[in-house]
Amino acid sequence: QRIVVFVVPDAGWTGDPNELERLVKDQVALRLGKPFRPSQVCAVRQFPKTRTSKVMRRVIRNLYASRDLGDLSSLDN
């Protein structure tokens, strides 16, 4: 397993995706330490959420790993 970070950039973000990846990796390493530096940073438009606005981490994890997404009945967006 490896650490992969998913981020939703601000709507006005017009910078380079490589710059965003570097910024996120550097901040994680600074705040949590180098062992937690992510191997990859993925920018997405929005996170899959339930009707109560909880992020469905299971769906993100399964989508990234190319596995079956499972039950999506509580997915709102």
N, C-alpha and C. Protein backbone atom coordinates (compact mmCIF):
# COMPACT_ATOMS: atom_id res chain seq x y z
N GLN A 1 0.84 -1.18 0.00
CA GLN A 1 0.00 0.00 0.00
C GLN A 1 0.87 1.23 0.00
N ARG A 2 0.30 2.33 -0.48
CA ARG A 2 1.01 3.60 -0.49
C ARG A 2 0.02 4.71 -0.23
N ILE A 3 0.56 5.86 0.14
CA ILE A 3 -0.29 7.00 0.45
C ILE A 3 -0.60 7.77 -0.83
N VAL A 4 -1.88 7.95 -1.09
CA VAL A 4 -2.36 8.74 -2.22
C VAL A 4 -3.32 9.77 -1.65
N VAL A 5 -3.14 11.01 -2.05
CA VAL A 5 -3.98 12.10 -1.55
C VAL A 5 -4.90 12.58 -2.67
N PHE A 6 -6.16 12.75 -2.34
CA PHE A 6 -7.13 13.32 -3.27
C PHE A 6 -7.49 14.71 -2.75
N VAL A 7 -7.40 15.71 -3.62
CA VAL A 7 -7.69 17.09 -3.23
C VAL A 7 -8.69 17.70 -4.19
N VAL A 8 -9.45 18.67 -3.68
CA VAL A 8 -10.35 19.47 -4.51
C VAL A 8 -9.79 20.88 -4.49
N PRO A 9 -9.15 21.30 -5.59
CA PRO A 9 -8.60 22.66 -5.63
C PRO A 9 -9.71 23.71 -5.60
N ASP A 10 -9.36 24.90 -5.15
CA ASP A 10 -10.32 26.02 -5.18
C ASP A 10 -10.80 26.24 -6.61
N ALA A 11 -12.00 26.74 -6.74
CA ALA A 11 -12.58 26.97 -8.07
C ALA A 11 -11.72 27.91 -8.91
N GLY A 12 -11.02 28.82 -8.26
CA GLY A 12 -10.21 29.77 -8.99
C GLY A 12 -8.79 29.31 -9.26
N TRP A 13 -8.45 28.08 -8.90
CA TRP A 13 -7.08 27.59 -9.09
C TRP A 13 -6.77 27.49 -10.58
N THR A 14 -5.76 28.22 -11.01
CA THR A 14 -5.37 28.19 -12.41
C THR A 14 -3.92 27.75 -12.58
N GLY A 15 -3.33 27.29 -11.49
CA GLY A 15 -1.92 26.91 -11.51
C GLY A 15 -1.68 25.58 -12.20
N ASP A 16 -0.43 25.24 -12.27
CA ASP A 16 0.03 24.01 -12.88
C ASP A 16 -0.29 22.82 -11.98
N PRO A 17 -0.82 21.72 -12.51
CA PRO A 17 -1.11 20.54 -11.69
C PRO A 17 0.14 20.00 -11.00
N ASN A 18 1.28 20.10 -11.65
CA ASN A 18 2.53 19.63 -11.02
C ASN A 18 2.89 20.49 -9.81
N GLU A 19 2.60 21.77 -9.90
CA GLU A 19 2.85 22.68 -8.78
C GLU A 19 1.94 22.35 -7.60
N LEU A 20 0.67 22.05 -7.89
CA LEU A 20 -0.27 21.65 -6.84
C LEU A 20 0.22 20.37 -6.16
N GLU A 21 0.66 19.41 -6.95
CA GLU A 21 1.16 18.15 -6.38
C GLU A 21 2.37 18.41 -5.48
N ARG A 22 3.28 19.25 -5.92
CA ARG A 22 4.46 19.55 -5.12
C ARG A 22 4.07 20.26 -3.82
N LEU A 23 3.14 21.22 -3.90
CA LEU A 23 2.70 21.94 -2.71
C LEU A 23 2.08 21.00 -1.68
N VAL A 24 1.21 20.11 -2.14
CA VAL A 24 0.54 19.18 -1.22
C VAL A 24 1.56 18.23 -0.59
N LYS A 25 2.43 17.67 -1.40
CA LYS A 25 3.45 16.75 -0.87
C LYS A 25 4.34 17.44 0.15
N ASP A 26 4.75 18.66 -0.14
CA ASP A 26 5.62 19.40 0.79
C ASP A 26 4.91 19.71 2.10
N GLN A 27 3.64 20.09 2.03
CA GLN A 27 2.88 20.40 3.25
C GLN A 27 2.68 19.17 4.12
N VAL A 28 2.37 18.05 3.49
CA VAL A 28 2.19 16.82 4.26
C VAL A 28 3.50 16.43 4.93
N ALA A 29 4.61 16.49 4.20
CA ALA A 29 5.90 16.14 4.76
C ALA A 29 6.28 17.09 5.89
N LEU A 30 5.96 18.37 5.75
CA LEU A 30 6.28 19.35 6.78
C LEU A 30 5.46 19.13 8.04
N ARG A 31 4.17 18.87 7.88
CA ARG A 31 3.28 18.76 9.04
C ARG A 31 3.28 17.38 9.70
N LEU A 32 3.39 16.33 8.89
CA LEU A 32 3.29 14.98 9.44
C LEU A 32 4.62 14.23 9.44
N GLY A 33 5.57 14.68 8.65
CA GLY A 33 6.87 14.02 8.56
C GLY A 33 7.04 13.35 7.21
N LYS A 34 8.30 13.18 6.84
CA LYS A 34 8.63 12.61 5.53
C LYS A 34 8.07 11.21 5.29
N PRO A 35 7.95 10.35 6.31
CA PRO A 35 7.37 9.03 6.03
C PRO A 35 5.93 9.07 5.53
N PHE A 36 5.23 10.18 5.79
CA PHE A 36 3.84 10.31 5.37
C PHE A 36 3.68 11.08 4.07
N ARG A 37 4.79 11.42 3.44
CA ARG A 37 4.73 12.15 2.15
C ARG A 37 4.02 11.26 1.13
N PRO A 38 2.94 11.76 0.50
CA PRO A 38 2.19 10.93 -0.44
C PRO A 38 3.00 10.61 -1.69
N SER A 39 2.76 9.45 -2.25
CA SER A 39 3.43 9.06 -3.48
C SER A 39 2.74 9.68 -4.69
N GLN A 40 1.47 10.05 -4.52
CA GLN A 40 0.71 10.62 -5.63
C GLN A 40 -0.35 11.56 -5.08
N VAL A 41 -0.63 12.63 -5.83
CA VAL A 41 -1.69 13.57 -5.48
C VAL A 41 -2.64 13.64 -6.67
N CYS A 42 -3.91 13.39 -6.42
CA CYS A 42 -4.92 13.41 -7.48
C CYS A 42 -5.89 14.56 -7.21
N ALA A 43 -6.03 15.45 -8.18
CA ALA A 43 -6.99 16.55 -8.08
C ALA A 43 -8.31 16.11 -8.70
N VAL A 44 -9.39 16.30 -7.97
CA VAL A 44 -10.73 15.91 -8.44
C VAL A 44 -11.66 17.12 -8.32
N ARG A 45 -12.77 17.09 -9.06
CA ARG A 45 -13.73 18.20 -9.00
C ARG A 45 -14.54 18.19 -7.71
N GLN A 46 -14.91 17.00 -7.26
CA GLN A 46 -15.66 16.87 -6.01
C GLN A 46 -15.51 15.46 -5.48
N PHE A 47 -15.81 15.28 -4.19
CA PHE A 47 -15.75 13.96 -3.57
C PHE A 47 -17.14 13.34 -3.61
N PRO A 48 -17.22 12.01 -3.72
CA PRO A 48 -18.53 11.37 -3.61
C PRO A 48 -19.02 11.47 -2.16
N LYS A 49 -20.24 11.97 -1.99
CA LYS A 49 -20.78 12.18 -0.65
C LYS A 49 -22.15 11.55 -0.49
N THR A 50 -22.50 11.30 0.76
CA THR A 50 -23.82 10.78 1.09
C THR A 50 -24.79 11.96 1.21
N ARG A 51 -26.04 11.65 1.45
CA ARG A 51 -27.05 12.70 1.62
C ARG A 51 -26.77 13.57 2.83
N THR A 52 -26.02 13.04 3.80
CA THR A 52 -25.65 13.81 5.00
C THR A 52 -24.28 14.47 4.85
N SER A 53 -23.77 14.52 3.63
CA SER A 53 -22.50 15.19 3.27
C SER A 53 -21.25 14.53 3.84
N LYS A 54 -21.32 13.24 4.12
CA LYS A 54 -20.12 12.51 4.54
C LYS A 54 -19.41 12.00 3.29
N VAL A 55 -18.09 12.14 3.27
CA VAL A 55 -17.31 11.67 2.13
C VAL A 55 -17.27 10.15 2.14
N MET A 56 -17.58 9.56 0.99
CA MET A 56 -17.59 8.10 0.87
C MET A 56 -16.18 7.62 0.49
N ARG A 57 -15.33 7.48 1.51
CA ARG A 57 -13.94 7.09 1.29
C ARG A 57 -13.82 5.72 0.65
N ARG A 58 -14.73 4.84 0.97
CA ARG A 58 -14.73 3.48 0.40
C ARG A 58 -14.84 3.54 -1.12
N VAL A 59 -15.69 4.42 -1.62
CA VAL A 59 -15.89 4.56 -3.06
C VAL A 59 -14.61 5.10 -3.72
N ILE A 60 -14.00 6.08 -3.10
CA ILE A 60 -12.75 6.64 -3.63
C ILE A 60 -11.67 5.56 -3.69
N ARG A 61 -11.53 4.84 -2.60
CA ARG A 61 -10.51 3.78 -2.52
C ARG A 61 -10.75 2.70 -3.57
N ASN A 62 -11.99 2.24 -3.72
CA ASN A 62 -12.30 1.19 -4.69
C ASN A 62 -12.15 1.68 -6.13
N LEU A 63 -12.53 2.91 -6.39
CA LEU A 63 -12.37 3.47 -7.73
C LEU A 63 -10.89 3.57 -8.10
N TYR A 64 -10.07 4.03 -7.17
CA TYR A 64 -8.63 4.15 -7.44
C TYR A 64 -7.99 2.78 -7.67
N ALA A 65 -8.44 1.77 -6.92
CA ALA A 65 -7.86 0.43 -7.02
C ALA A 65 -8.52 -0.41 -8.12
N SER A 66 -9.43 0.18 -8.90
CA SER A 66 -10.14 -0.52 -9.99
C SER A 66 -10.88 -1.75 -9.49
N ARG A 67 -11.50 -1.61 -8.32
CA ARG A 67 -12.32 -2.68 -7.76
C ARG A 67 -13.79 -2.31 -7.90
N ASP A 68 -14.65 -3.27 -7.61
CA ASP A 68 -16.09 -3.04 -7.62
C ASP A 68 -16.42 -1.95 -6.61
N LEU A 69 -17.25 -0.98 -6.99
CA LEU A 69 -17.56 0.14 -6.12
C LEU A 69 -18.47 -0.24 -4.95
N GLY A 70 -19.16 -1.34 -5.07
CA GLY A 70 -20.04 -1.77 -3.99
C GLY A 70 -21.36 -1.04 -4.02
N ASP A 71 -22.01 -0.98 -2.88
CA ASP A 71 -23.33 -0.39 -2.75
C ASP A 71 -23.24 1.14 -2.86
N LEU A 72 -23.93 1.69 -3.83
CA LEU A 72 -23.93 3.15 -4.05
C LEU A 72 -25.28 3.77 -3.75
N SER A 73 -26.13 3.05 -3.04
CA SER A 73 -27.49 3.54 -2.79
C SER A 73 -27.51 4.81 -1.94
N SER A 74 -26.50 5.03 -1.10
CA SER A 74 -26.49 6.22 -0.28
C SER A 74 -25.72 7.38 -0.90
N LEU A 75 -25.24 7.19 -2.14
CA LEU A 75 -24.50 8.24 -2.84
C LEU A 75 -25.44 9.36 -3.24
N ASP A 76 -25.07 10.59 -2.94
CA ASP A 76 -25.92 11.74 -3.25
C ASP A 76 -25.50 12.42 -4.54
N ASN A 77 -24.19 12.60 -4.78
CA ASN A 77 -23.74 13.33 -5.98
C ASN A 77 -23.01 12.43 -6.94
